[in-house]
Amino acid sequence: MITNLKTRVLSTAAAEPSPTRAAIKSRNKLLSLLAGTAGMVAFVIFALFMSDSRLVRLGGEVTPHHHLQRSVWLVVTTAGGALGVAATALWLALWRGRSMLGRSRSLLLYGTALTPICLFAWKVLCSMVFGYPMIEWPERPGLRCLSLSLLIAIGPLLTFLAVRRTAPVRPALNGASMGVAAGACAWGAVDLWCPVAALPHLLLGHALPLCILAAIGALLGEAVLKVRHR
């Protein structure tokens, strides 16, 4: 009985050989390239139809007789800070750390919760420092930025799940962390395209997508990353 079980286990393991480390690295590099390409293509297509192919928008008409213009340094500062937060979020979401079981629950929770807060606070702080008025734009409540954020982030999110493949513990929380990381990457692109700094607009168009992506990531993580027993 024990001999037969051992034989079946060995035959199953032999039928499904583990990929080499070099093969895994090559696959992950290809998937990362696909993630970046998917996000950029979505961004360009959206800008093509929604703003006459302008990928960077420094300003616009708040009202027919009121024009606002962002400084280049404001755009560079906000986008640069968003890039740093996104890099940290990706590091937390995609690298397991020293443990084979992945990041701890507290680190994943803090990273998932603090990423949107840091992005939002950095945007508001930079706008205040550079003197850019955070007034509401009546014709831009934030729905287009909400759509753009989700459109950019969905491709990278799916790719992150494919890169990670499994999470032995906390698959939903790992998925939520990946969703927030994908949203943080999208935040930087949306910041280049959107000149609005009004608080209601930022909450709806820029911060809410990260919460939605966290929920989507949690659902997909539970469905995809969970280890299944045969």
C-alpha atoms as a PDB file:
ATOM      1  CA  MET A   1       0.000   0.000   0.000  1.00  0.00           C
ATOM      2  CA  ILE A   2       2.726   2.448   1.021  1.00  0.00           C
ATOM      3  CA  THR A   3       4.862   1.342  -1.927  1.00  0.00           C
ATOM      4  CA  ASN A   4       2.026   1.984  -4.371  1.00  0.00           C
ATOM      5  CA  LEU A   5       1.411   5.436  -2.900  1.00  0.00           C
ATOM      6  CA  LYS A   6       5.098   6.290  -3.134  1.00  0.00           C
ATOM      7  CA  THR A   7       5.157   5.138  -6.735  1.00  0.00           C
ATOM      8  CA  ARG A   8       2.162   7.292  -7.647  1.00  0.00           C
ATOM      9  CA  VAL A   9       3.692  10.370  -5.972  1.00  0.00           C
ATOM     10  CA  LEU A  10       6.999   9.916  -7.760  1.00  0.00           C
ATOM     11  CA  SER A  11       5.335   9.348 -11.116  1.00  0.00           C
ATOM     12  CA  THR A  12       3.180  12.457 -10.680  1.00  0.00           C
ATOM     13  CA  ALA A  13       6.239  14.542  -9.783  1.00  0.00           C
ATOM     14  CA  ALA A  14       8.110  13.201 -12.783  1.00  0.00           C
ATOM     15  CA  ALA A  15       5.195  13.994 -15.092  1.00  0.00           C
ATOM     16  CA  GLU A  16       5.184  17.635 -13.973  1.00  0.00           C
ATOM     17  CA  PRO A  17       8.828  18.723 -13.762  1.00  0.00           C
ATOM     18  CA  SER A  18       9.542  22.052 -12.077  1.00  0.00           C
ATOM     19  CA  PRO A  19      10.809  24.804 -14.403  1.00  0.00           C
ATOM     20  CA  THR A  20      14.394  25.936 -13.998  1.00  0.00           C
ATOM     21  CA  ARG A  21      15.222  29.250 -12.331  1.00  0.00           C
ATOM     22  CA  ALA A  22      16.408  30.642 -15.674  1.00  0.00           C
ATOM     23  CA  ALA A  23      13.095  29.702 -17.298  1.00  0.00           C
ATOM     24  CA  ILE A  24      11.155  31.390 -14.498  1.00  0.00           C
ATOM     25  CA  LYS A  25      13.219  34.578 -14.838  1.00  0.00           C
ATOM     26  CA  SER A  26      12.700  34.640 -18.605  1.00  0.00           C
ATOM     27  CA  ARG A  27       8.967  34.117 -18.198  1.00  0.00           C
ATOM     28  CA  ASN A  28       8.687  36.860 -15.587  1.00  0.00           C
ATOM     29  CA  LYS A  29      10.650  39.297 -17.747  1.00  0.00           C
ATOM     30  CA  LEU A  30       8.333  38.606 -20.665  1.00  0.00           C
ATOM     31  CA  LEU A  31       5.237  39.024 -18.502  1.00  0.00           C
ATOM     32  CA  SER A  32       6.603  42.276 -17.049  1.00  0.00           C
ATOM     33  CA  LEU A  33       7.168  43.576 -20.559  1.00  0.00           C
ATOM     34  CA  LEU A  34       3.614  42.627 -21.477  1.00  0.00           C
ATOM     35  CA  ALA A  35       2.290  44.389 -18.367  1.00  0.00           C
ATOM     36  CA  GLY A  36       4.059  47.636 -19.208  1.00  0.00           C
ATOM     37  CA  THR A  37       3.029  47.422 -22.845  1.00  0.00           C
ATOM     38  CA  ALA A  38      -0.622  46.779 -21.973  1.00  0.00           C
ATOM     39  CA  GLY A  39      -0.722  49.765 -19.640  1.00  0.00           C
ATOM     40  CA  MET A  40       0.946  52.123 -22.128  1.00  0.00           C
ATOM     41  CA  VAL A  41      -1.259  51.003 -25.021  1.00  0.00           C
ATOM     42  CA  ALA A  42      -4.393  51.561 -22.913  1.00  0.00           C
ATOM     43  CA  PHE A  43      -3.135  55.011 -21.932  1.00  0.00           C
ATOM     44  CA  VAL A  44      -2.346  56.038 -25.508  1.00  0.00           C
ATOM     45  CA  ILE A  45      -5.689  54.768 -26.840  1.00  0.00           C
ATOM     46  CA  PHE A  46      -7.602  56.633 -24.133  1.00  0.00           C
ATOM     47  CA  ALA A  47      -5.660  59.848 -24.750  1.00  0.00           C
ATOM     48  CA  LEU A  48      -6.160  59.474 -28.497  1.00  0.00           C
ATOM     49  CA  PHE A  49      -9.937  59.510 -28.192  1.00  0.00           C
ATOM     50  CA  MET A  50     -10.402  61.712 -25.125  1.00  0.00           C
ATOM     51  CA  SER A  51      -7.825  64.498 -25.479  1.00  0.00           C
ATOM     52  CA  ASP A  52      -6.609  64.687 -29.079  1.00  0.00           C
ATOM     53  CA  SER A  53      -3.597  62.452 -28.401  1.00  0.00           C
ATOM     54  CA  ARG A  54      -2.211  64.717 -25.663  1.00  0.00           C
ATOM     55  CA  LEU A  55      -0.461  62.414 -23.219  1.00  0.00           C
ATOM     56  CA  VAL A  56       0.591  65.254 -20.919  1.00  0.00           C
ATOM     57  CA  ARG A  57      -1.880  68.023 -20.098  1.00  0.00           C
ATOM     58  CA  LEU A  58      -0.592  70.991 -18.134  1.00  0.00           C
ATOM     59  CA  GLY A  59      -3.869  72.853 -17.908  1.00  0.00           C
ATOM     60  CA  GLY A  60      -7.283  73.614 -19.304  1.00  0.00           C
ATOM     61  CA  GLU A  61     -10.419  75.702 -19.076  1.00  0.00           C
ATOM     62  CA  VAL A  62     -12.065  75.549 -15.664  1.00  0.00           C
ATOM     63  CA  THR A  63     -14.848  77.803 -16.972  1.00  0.00           C
ATOM     64  CA  PRO A  64     -15.163  79.564 -20.341  1.00  0.00           C
ATOM     65  CA  HIS A  65     -13.144  82.522 -19.025  1.00  0.00           C
ATOM     66  CA  HIS A  66     -10.921  80.841 -16.435  1.00  0.00           C
ATOM     67  CA  HIS A  67      -7.812  78.954 -17.543  1.00  0.00           C
ATOM     68  CA  LEU A  68      -5.463  77.117 -15.162  1.00  0.00           C
ATOM     69  CA  GLN A  69      -1.974  75.921 -16.022  1.00  0.00           C
ATOM     70  CA  ARG A  70       0.272  73.548 -14.061  1.00  0.00           C
ATOM     71  CA  SER A  71       3.985  74.208 -13.916  1.00  0.00           C
ATOM     72  CA  VAL A  72       6.299  71.610 -15.420  1.00  0.00           C
ATOM     73  CA  TRP A  73       8.031  71.232 -12.066  1.00  0.00           C
ATOM     74  CA  LEU A  74       4.730  70.391 -10.397  1.00  0.00           C
ATOM     75  CA  VAL A  75       4.090  67.645 -12.928  1.00  0.00           C
ATOM     76  CA  VAL A  76       7.620  66.274 -12.565  1.00  0.00           C
ATOM     77  CA  THR A  77       7.392  66.302  -8.764  1.00  0.00           C
ATOM     78  CA  THR A  78       3.969  64.672  -8.481  1.00  0.00           C
ATOM     79  CA  ALA A  79       4.730  62.065 -11.156  1.00  0.00           C
ATOM     80  CA  GLY A  80       8.141  61.320  -9.647  1.00  0.00           C
ATOM     81  CA  GLY A  81       6.675  60.817  -6.188  1.00  0.00           C
ATOM     82  CA  ALA A  82       3.956  58.589  -7.607  1.00  0.00           C
ATOM     83  CA  LEU A  83       6.625  56.531  -9.366  1.00  0.00           C
ATOM     84  CA  GLY A  84       8.464  56.021  -6.084  1.00  0.00           C
ATOM     85  CA  VAL A  85       5.294  54.928  -4.273  1.00  0.00           C
ATOM     86  CA  ALA A  86       4.408  52.591  -7.160  1.00  0.00           C
ATOM     87  CA  ALA A  87       7.879  51.011  -7.053  1.00  0.00           C
ATOM     88  CA  THR A  88       7.503  50.361  -3.325  1.00  0.00           C
ATOM     89  CA  ALA A  89       4.025  48.886  -3.845  1.00  0.00           C
ATOM     90  CA  LEU A  90       5.355  46.579  -6.565  1.00  0.00           C
ATOM     91  CA  TRP A  91       8.191  45.458  -4.313  1.00  0.00           C
ATOM     92  CA  LEU A  92       5.727  44.569  -1.565  1.00  0.00           C
ATOM     93  CA  ALA A  93       3.287  42.824  -3.891  1.00  0.00           C
ATOM     94  CA  LEU A  94       5.551  40.779  -6.160  1.00  0.00           C
ATOM     95  CA  TRP A  95       8.565  39.828  -4.042  1.00  0.00           C
ATOM     96  CA  ARG A  96       8.076  37.193  -1.372  1.00  0.00           C
ATOM     97  CA  GLY A  97      10.750  38.536   0.953  1.00  0.00           C
ATOM     98  CA  ARG A  98      12.851  36.159   3.033  1.00  0.00           C
ATOM     99  CA  SER A  99      10.022  33.736   3.750  1.00  0.00           C
ATOM    100  CA  MET A 100       8.845  31.171   1.210  1.00  0.00           C
ATOM    101  CA  LEU A 101       5.308  31.875   2.455  1.00  0.00           C
ATOM    102  CA  GLY A 102       5.511  35.488   1.274  1.00  0.00           C
ATOM    103  CA  ARG A 103       4.994  38.770   3.065  1.00  0.00           C
ATOM    104  CA  SER A 104       3.495  38.893   6.529  1.00  0.00           C
ATOM    105  CA  ARG A 105      -0.142  39.816   7.010  1.00  0.00           C
ATOM    106  CA  SER A 106       0.686  43.104   8.723  1.00  0.00           C
ATOM    107  CA  LEU A 107       3.105  44.211   5.990  1.00  0.00           C
ATOM    108  CA  LEU A 108       0.588  43.435   3.249  1.00  0.00           C
ATOM    109  CA  LEU A 109      -2.178  45.241   5.125  1.00  0.00           C
ATOM    110  CA  TYR A 110      -0.066  48.316   5.783  1.00  0.00           C
ATOM    111  CA  GLY A 111       1.184  48.425   2.209  1.00  0.00           C
ATOM    112  CA  THR A 112      -2.296  48.040   0.737  1.00  0.00           C
ATOM    113  CA  ALA A 113      -3.797  50.707   3.006  1.00  0.00           C
ATOM    114  CA  LEU A 114      -0.962  53.237   2.962  1.00  0.00           C
ATOM    115  CA  THR A 115      -0.296  53.275  -0.789  1.00  0.00           C
ATOM    116  CA  PRO A 116      -3.471  55.235  -1.731  1.00  0.00           C
ATOM    117  CA  ILE A 117      -3.005  57.507   1.284  1.00  0.00           C
ATOM    118  CA  CYS A 118       0.594  58.317   0.353  1.00  0.00           C
ATOM    119  CA  LEU A 119      -0.300  59.018  -3.287  1.00  0.00           C
ATOM    120  CA  PHE A 120      -3.198  61.261  -2.306  1.00  0.00           C
ATOM    121  CA  ALA A 121      -1.207  63.137   0.352  1.00  0.00           C
ATOM    122  CA  TRP A 122       1.742  63.656  -2.009  1.00  0.00           C
ATOM    123  CA  LYS A 123      -0.502  65.080  -4.720  1.00  0.00           C
ATOM    124  CA  VAL A 124      -2.200  67.507  -2.322  1.00  0.00           C
ATOM    125  CA  LEU A 125       1.065  68.546  -0.653  1.00  0.00           C
ATOM    126  CA  CYS A 126       2.805  69.244  -3.966  1.00  0.00           C
ATOM    127  CA  SER A 127      -0.161  71.271  -5.224  1.00  0.00           C
ATOM    128  CA  MET A 128      -0.068  73.383  -2.066  1.00  0.00           C
ATOM    129  CA  VAL A 129       3.714  73.895  -2.202  1.00  0.00           C
ATOM    130  CA  PHE A 130       3.687  74.921  -5.862  1.00  0.00           C
ATOM    131  CA  GLY A 131       0.670  77.163  -5.320  1.00  0.00           C
ATOM    132  CA  TYR A 132      -1.581  75.304  -7.730  1.00  0.00           C
ATOM    133  CA  PRO A 133      -5.246  76.028  -6.814  1.00  0.00           C
ATOM    134  CA  MET A 134      -7.287  72.991  -5.838  1.00  0.00           C
ATOM    135  CA  ILE A 135     -10.580  74.364  -7.113  1.00  0.00           C
ATOM    136  CA  GLU A 136     -13.324  72.216  -8.589  1.00  0.00           C
ATOM    137  CA  TRP A 137     -13.708  71.902 -12.346  1.00  0.00           C
ATOM    138  CA  PRO A 138     -17.471  71.640 -12.978  1.00  0.00           C
ATOM    139  CA  GLU A 139     -17.062  69.627 -16.170  1.00  0.00           C
ATOM    140  CA  ARG A 140     -14.488  67.208 -14.712  1.00  0.00           C
ATOM    141  CA  PRO A 141     -15.847  65.447 -11.627  1.00  0.00           C
ATOM    142  CA  GLY A 142     -13.410  62.557 -12.079  1.00  0.00           C
ATOM    143  CA  LEU A 143     -15.277  59.882 -14.034  1.00  0.00           C
ATOM    144  CA  ARG A 144     -12.877  59.959 -16.961  1.00  0.00           C
ATOM    145  CA  CYS A 145      -9.883  59.600 -14.644  1.00  0.00           C
ATOM    146  CA  LEU A 146     -11.665  56.727 -12.900  1.00  0.00           C
ATOM    147  CA  SER A 147     -12.161  54.962 -16.236  1.00  0.00           C
ATOM    148  CA  LEU A 148      -8.592  55.669 -17.356  1.00  0.00           C
ATOM    149  CA  SER A 149      -7.115  54.340 -14.110  1.00  0.00           C
ATOM    150  CA  LEU A 150      -9.020  51.062 -14.360  1.00  0.00           C
ATOM    151  CA  LEU A 151      -8.242  50.707 -18.066  1.00  0.00           C
ATOM    152  CA  ILE A 152      -4.513  51.148 -17.505  1.00  0.00           C
ATOM    153  CA  ALA A 153      -4.297  48.945 -14.419  1.00  0.00           C
ATOM    154  CA  ILE A 154      -6.306  45.882 -15.421  1.00  0.00           C
ATOM    155  CA  GLY A 155      -3.647  44.505 -17.789  1.00  0.00           C
ATOM    156  CA  PRO A 156      -0.775  44.845 -15.293  1.00  0.00           C
ATOM    157  CA  LEU A 157      -2.928  43.337 -12.523  1.00  0.00           C
ATOM    158  CA  LEU A 158      -3.605  40.198 -14.555  1.00  0.00           C
ATOM    159  CA  THR A 159       0.088  39.995 -15.399  1.00  0.00           C
ATOM    160  CA  PHE A 160       1.102  40.321 -11.739  1.00  0.00           C
ATOM    161  CA  LEU A 161      -1.151  37.389 -10.897  1.00  0.00           C
ATOM    162  CA  ALA A 162       0.489  35.349 -13.644  1.00  0.00           C
ATOM    163  CA  VAL A 163       3.963  36.254 -12.377  1.00  0.00           C
ATOM    164  CA  ARG A 164       3.184  35.290  -8.784  1.00  0.00           C
ATOM    165  CA  ARG A 165       1.110  32.210  -9.766  1.00  0.00           C
ATOM    166  CA  THR A 166       0.515  30.969  -6.216  1.00  0.00           C
ATOM    167  CA  ALA A 167       0.381  32.318  -2.677  1.00  0.00           C
ATOM    168  CA  PRO A 168       0.454  29.490  -0.097  1.00  0.00           C
ATOM    169  CA  VAL A 169      -1.108  31.727   2.554  1.00  0.00           C
ATOM    170  CA  ARG A 170      -3.243  34.871   2.390  1.00  0.00           C
ATOM    171  CA  PRO A 171      -4.033  34.635  -1.367  1.00  0.00           C
ATOM    172  CA  ALA A 172      -6.793  37.270  -1.180  1.00  0.00           C
ATOM    173  CA  LEU A 173      -4.583  39.736   0.663  1.00  0.00           C
ATOM    174  CA  ASN A 174      -1.749  39.142  -1.788  1.00  0.00           C
ATOM    175  CA  GLY A 175      -4.177  39.753  -4.641  1.00  0.00           C
ATOM    176  CA  ALA A 176      -5.374  42.976  -3.040  1.00  0.00           C
ATOM    177  CA  SER A 177      -1.765  44.124  -2.706  1.00  0.00           C
ATOM    178  CA  MET A 178      -1.223  43.448  -6.418  1.00  0.00           C
ATOM    179  CA  GLY A 179      -4.370  45.390  -7.291  1.00  0.00           C
ATOM    180  CA  VAL A 180      -3.172  48.409  -5.336  1.00  0.00           C
ATOM    181  CA  ALA A 181       0.270  48.130  -6.949  1.00  0.00           C
ATOM    182  CA  ALA A 182      -1.311  48.122 -10.415  1.00  0.00           C
ATOM    183  CA  GLY A 183      -3.425  51.121  -9.429  1.00  0.00           C
ATOM    184  CA  ALA A 184      -0.356  52.955  -8.149  1.00  0.00           C
ATOM    185  CA  CYS A 185       1.325  52.456 -11.524  1.00  0.00           C
ATOM    186  CA  ALA A 186      -1.779  53.826 -13.242  1.00  0.00           C
ATOM    187  CA  TRP A 187      -1.858  56.822 -10.858  1.00  0.00           C
ATOM    188  CA  GLY A 188       1.389  58.183 -12.315  1.00  0.00           C
ATOM    189  CA  ALA A 189       0.106  58.012 -15.886  1.00  0.00           C
ATOM    190  CA  VAL A 190      -3.225  59.585 -14.962  1.00  0.00           C
ATOM    191  CA  ASP A 191      -1.404  62.373 -13.123  1.00  0.00           C
ATOM    192  CA  LEU A 192       0.382  63.285 -16.356  1.00  0.00           C
ATOM    193  CA  TRP A 193      -2.899  63.411 -18.238  1.00  0.00           C
ATOM    194  CA  CYS A 194      -5.099  65.125 -15.653  1.00  0.00           C
ATOM    195  CA  PRO A 195      -4.522  68.769 -14.576  1.00  0.00           C
ATOM    196  CA  VAL A 196      -7.257  68.772 -11.895  1.00  0.00           C
ATOM    197  CA  ALA A 197      -6.253  68.905  -8.213  1.00  0.00           C
ATOM    198  CA  ALA A 198      -9.649  69.399  -6.552  1.00  0.00           C
ATOM    199  CA  LEU A 199     -10.100  67.116  -3.551  1.00  0.00           C
ATOM    200  CA  PRO A 200     -13.460  65.580  -4.648  1.00  0.00           C
ATOM    201  CA  HIS A 201     -11.983  64.905  -8.086  1.00  0.00           C
ATOM    202  CA  LEU A 202      -8.881  63.250  -6.611  1.00  0.00           C
ATOM    203  CA  LEU A 203     -10.981  61.060  -4.335  1.00  0.00           C
ATOM    204  CA  LEU A 204     -13.316  59.895  -7.108  1.00  0.00           C
ATOM    205  CA  GLY A 205     -11.030  59.749 -10.131  1.00  0.00           C
ATOM    206  CA  HIS A 206      -7.652  58.911  -8.611  1.00  0.00           C
ATOM    207  CA  ALA A 207      -8.059  57.280  -5.184  1.00  0.00           C
ATOM    208  CA  LEU A 208     -11.277  55.280  -5.663  1.00  0.00           C
ATOM    209  CA  PRO A 209      -9.804  53.188  -8.529  1.00  0.00           C
ATOM    210  CA  LEU A 210      -7.148  51.859  -6.152  1.00  0.00           C
ATOM    211  CA  CYS A 211      -9.860  50.690  -3.764  1.00  0.00           C
ATOM    212  CA  ILE A 212     -11.750  49.049  -6.631  1.00  0.00           C
ATOM    213  CA  LEU A 213      -8.585  47.367  -7.886  1.00  0.00           C
ATOM    214  CA  ALA A 214      -7.804  46.129  -4.371  1.00  0.00           C
ATOM    215  CA  ALA A 215     -11.241  44.481  -4.233  1.00  0.00           C
ATOM    216  CA  ILE A 216     -10.832  42.970  -7.712  1.00  0.00           C
ATOM    217  CA  GLY A 217      -7.348  41.781  -6.824  1.00  0.00           C
ATOM    218  CA  ALA A 218      -8.615  40.148  -3.634  1.00  0.00           C
ATOM    219  CA  LEU A 219     -11.295  38.233  -5.526  1.00  0.00           C
ATOM    220  CA  LEU A 220      -8.896  37.148  -8.273  1.00  0.00           C
ATOM    221  CA  GLY A 221      -6.205  36.307  -5.744  1.00  0.00           C
ATOM    222  CA  GLU A 222      -8.536  33.996  -3.828  1.00  0.00           C
ATOM    223  CA  ALA A 223      -9.545  32.334  -7.092  1.00  0.00           C
ATOM    224  CA  VAL A 224      -6.152  32.149  -8.826  1.00  0.00           C
ATOM    225  CA  LEU A 225      -3.386  32.217  -6.204  1.00  0.00           C
ATOM    226  CA  LYS A 226      -4.901  29.755  -3.761  1.00  0.00           C
ATOM    227  CA  VAL A 227      -3.054  26.441  -3.572  1.00  0.00           C
ATOM    228  CA  ARG A 228      -5.322  23.587  -4.611  1.00  0.00           C
ATOM    229  CA  HIS A 229      -4.945  20.006  -3.464  1.00  0.00           C
ATOM    230  CA  ARG A 230      -5.330  17.282  -6.036  1.00  0.00           C
END
